[in-house]
C-alpha atoms as a PDB file:
ATOM      1  CA  UNK A   1      -0.164  -0.151  -0.074  1.00  0.00           C
ATOM      2  CA  UNK A   2       1.488   3.475  -1.005  1.00  0.00           C
ATOM      3  CA  UNK A   3       1.121   6.528   0.934  1.00  0.00           C
ATOM      4  CA  UNK A   4      -1.321   7.934  -1.435  1.00  0.00           C
ATOM      5  CA  UNK A   5      -3.463   4.647  -0.748  1.00  0.00           C
ATOM      6  CA  UNK A   6      -3.536   5.077   2.968  1.00  0.00           C
ATOM      7  CA  UNK A   7      -4.611   8.795   2.723  1.00  0.00           C
ATOM      8  CA  UNK A   8      -7.797   7.375   0.843  1.00  0.00           C
ATOM      9  CA  UNK A   9      -8.683   4.729   3.419  1.00  0.00           C
ATOM     10  CA  UNK A  10     -11.719   5.921   5.442  1.00  0.00           C
ATOM     11  CA  UNK A  11     -13.064   4.773   8.691  1.00  0.00           C
ATOM     12  CA  UNK A  12     -16.706   4.033   9.240  1.00  0.00           C
ATOM     13  CA  UNK A  13     -17.859   3.892  12.842  1.00  0.00           C
ATOM     14  CA  UNK A  14     -20.194   1.083  13.468  1.00  0.00           C
ATOM     15  CA  UNK A  15     -23.323   3.270  13.406  1.00  0.00           C
ATOM     16  CA  UNK A  16     -22.586   4.478  10.179  1.00  0.00           C
ATOM     17  CA  UNK A  17     -22.127   0.637   8.959  1.00  0.00           C
ATOM     18  CA  UNK A  18     -25.651  -0.228  10.355  1.00  0.00           C
ATOM     19  CA  UNK A  19     -27.363   2.876   8.941  1.00  0.00           C
ATOM     20  CA  UNK A  20     -25.822   1.804   5.540  1.00  0.00           C
ATOM     21  CA  UNK A  21     -26.759  -1.947   5.857  1.00  0.00           C
ATOM     22  CA  UNK A  22     -30.414  -0.822   7.111  1.00  0.00           C
ATOM     23  CA  UNK A  23     -30.954   1.263   3.975  1.00  0.00           C
ATOM     24  CA  UNK A  24     -30.474  -1.898   1.840  1.00  0.00           C
ATOM     25  CA  UNK A  25     -32.198  -4.235   4.004  1.00  0.00           C
ATOM     26  CA  UNK A  26     -34.969  -2.410   5.194  1.00  0.00           C
ATOM     27  CA  UNK A  27     -35.323   0.390   2.377  1.00  0.00           C
ATOM     28  CA  UNK A  28     -34.330  -1.967  -0.484  1.00  0.00           C
ATOM     29  CA  UNK A  29     -31.802   0.614  -1.748  1.00  0.00           C
ATOM     30  CA  UNK A  30     -29.469  -1.369  -4.143  1.00  0.00           C
ATOM     31  CA  UNK A  31     -25.967  -2.364  -2.877  1.00  0.00           C
ATOM     32  CA  UNK A  32     -24.496  -0.820  -6.036  1.00  0.00           C
ATOM     33  CA  UNK A  33     -26.431   2.578  -5.290  1.00  0.00           C
ATOM     34  CA  UNK A  34     -24.732   2.442  -1.591  1.00  0.00           C
ATOM     35  CA  UNK A  35     -21.236   1.643  -2.778  1.00  0.00           C
ATOM     36  CA  UNK A  36     -21.479   4.651  -5.407  1.00  0.00           C
ATOM     37  CA  UNK A  37     -23.127   7.032  -2.664  1.00  0.00           C
ATOM     38  CA  UNK A  38     -20.405   6.138   0.000  1.00  0.00           C
ATOM     39  CA  UNK A  39     -17.464   5.347  -2.216  1.00  0.00           C
ATOM     40  CA  UNK A  40     -17.177   1.774  -1.057  1.00  0.00           C
ATOM     41  CA  UNK A  41     -16.474  -1.427  -2.896  1.00  0.00           C
ATOM     42  CA  UNK A  42     -19.170  -4.009  -2.976  1.00  0.00           C
ATOM     43  CA  UNK A  43     -16.773  -6.518  -1.117  1.00  0.00           C
ATOM     44  CA  UNK A  44     -16.525  -4.129   1.847  1.00  0.00           C
ATOM     45  CA  UNK A  45     -20.642  -3.837   1.894  1.00  0.00           C
ATOM     46  CA  UNK A  46     -20.769  -7.524   2.112  1.00  0.00           C
ATOM     47  CA  UNK A  47     -17.846  -8.100   4.429  1.00  0.00           C
ATOM     48  CA  UNK A  48     -19.915  -5.488   6.944  1.00  0.00           C
ATOM     49  CA  UNK A  49     -23.149  -7.542   6.197  1.00  0.00           C
ATOM     50  CA  UNK A  50     -21.422 -10.916   7.033  1.00  0.00           C
ATOM     51  CA  UNK A  51     -19.906  -9.489  10.129  1.00  0.00           C
ATOM     52  CA  UNK A  52     -23.782  -8.417  11.187  1.00  0.00           C
ATOM     53  CA  UNK A  53     -25.008 -11.670  10.497  1.00  0.00           C
ATOM     54  CA  UNK A  54     -22.172 -13.819  12.079  1.00  0.00           C
ATOM     55  CA  UNK A  55     -21.560 -11.594  14.963  1.00  0.00           C
ATOM     56  CA  UNK A  56     -24.809  -9.807  15.592  1.00  0.00           C
ATOM     57  CA  UNK A  57     -22.879  -6.230  15.487  1.00  0.00           C
END
Protein backbone atom coordinates (compact mmCIF):
# COMPACT_ATOMS: atom_id res chain seq x y z
CA UNK A 1 0.00 0.00 0.00
CA UNK A 2 1.42 3.35 -0.98
CA UNK A 3 1.09 6.51 1.04
CA UNK A 4 -1.58 7.82 -1.33
CA UNK A 5 -3.61 4.62 -0.86
CA UNK A 6 -3.51 5.06 2.90
CA UNK A 7 -4.71 8.65 2.53
CA UNK A 8 -7.81 7.39 0.66
CA UNK A 9 -8.73 4.84 3.34
CA UNK A 10 -11.64 5.95 5.48
CA UNK A 11 -13.07 4.76 8.75
CA UNK A 12 -16.76 4.05 9.22
CA UNK A 13 -18.08 3.93 12.77
CA UNK A 14 -20.26 0.92 13.62
CA UNK A 15 -23.32 3.18 13.63
CA UNK A 16 -22.52 4.36 10.10
CA UNK A 17 -22.09 0.78 8.87
CA UNK A 18 -25.41 -0.20 10.43
CA UNK A 19 -27.19 2.76 8.84
CA UNK A 20 -25.84 1.79 5.41
CA UNK A 21 -26.83 -1.87 5.88
CA UNK A 22 -30.31 -0.87 7.07
CA UNK A 23 -30.88 1.17 3.93
CA UNK A 24 -30.27 -1.96 1.89
CA UNK A 25 -32.10 -4.44 4.10
CA UNK A 26 -35.13 -2.34 5.06
CA UNK A 27 -35.46 0.27 2.32
CA UNK A 28 -34.23 -2.07 -0.43
CA UNK A 29 -31.70 0.43 -1.78
CA UNK A 30 -29.49 -1.48 -4.26
CA UNK A 31 -25.99 -2.35 -3.07
CA UNK A 32 -24.51 -0.70 -6.16
CA UNK A 33 -26.23 2.60 -5.31
CA UNK A 34 -24.98 2.53 -1.73
CA UNK A 35 -21.46 1.68 -2.84
CA UNK A 36 -21.46 4.59 -5.27
CA UNK A 37 -22.91 6.98 -2.70
CA UNK A 38 -20.41 6.09 0.03
CA UNK A 39 -17.46 5.30 -2.26
CA UNK A 40 -17.02 1.78 -0.94
CA UNK A 41 -16.31 -1.41 -2.83
CA UNK A 42 -19.09 -4.02 -2.95
CA UNK A 43 -16.84 -6.54 -1.17
CA UNK A 44 -16.61 -4.10 1.76
CA UNK A 45 -20.41 -3.87 1.94
CA UNK A 46 -20.79 -7.64 1.86
CA UNK A 47 -18.08 -8.08 4.50
CA UNK A 48 -19.98 -5.71 6.82
CA UNK A 49 -23.18 -7.64 6.13
CA UNK A 50 -21.50 -10.99 6.84
CA UNK A 51 -20.05 -9.62 10.09
CA UNK A 52 -23.49 -8.37 11.12
CA UNK A 53 -25.14 -11.74 10.52
CA UNK A 54 -22.30 -13.76 12.06
CA UNK A 55 -21.65 -11.58 15.11
CA UNK A 56 -24.84 -9.62 15.57
CA UNK A 57 -22.94 -6.29 15.41
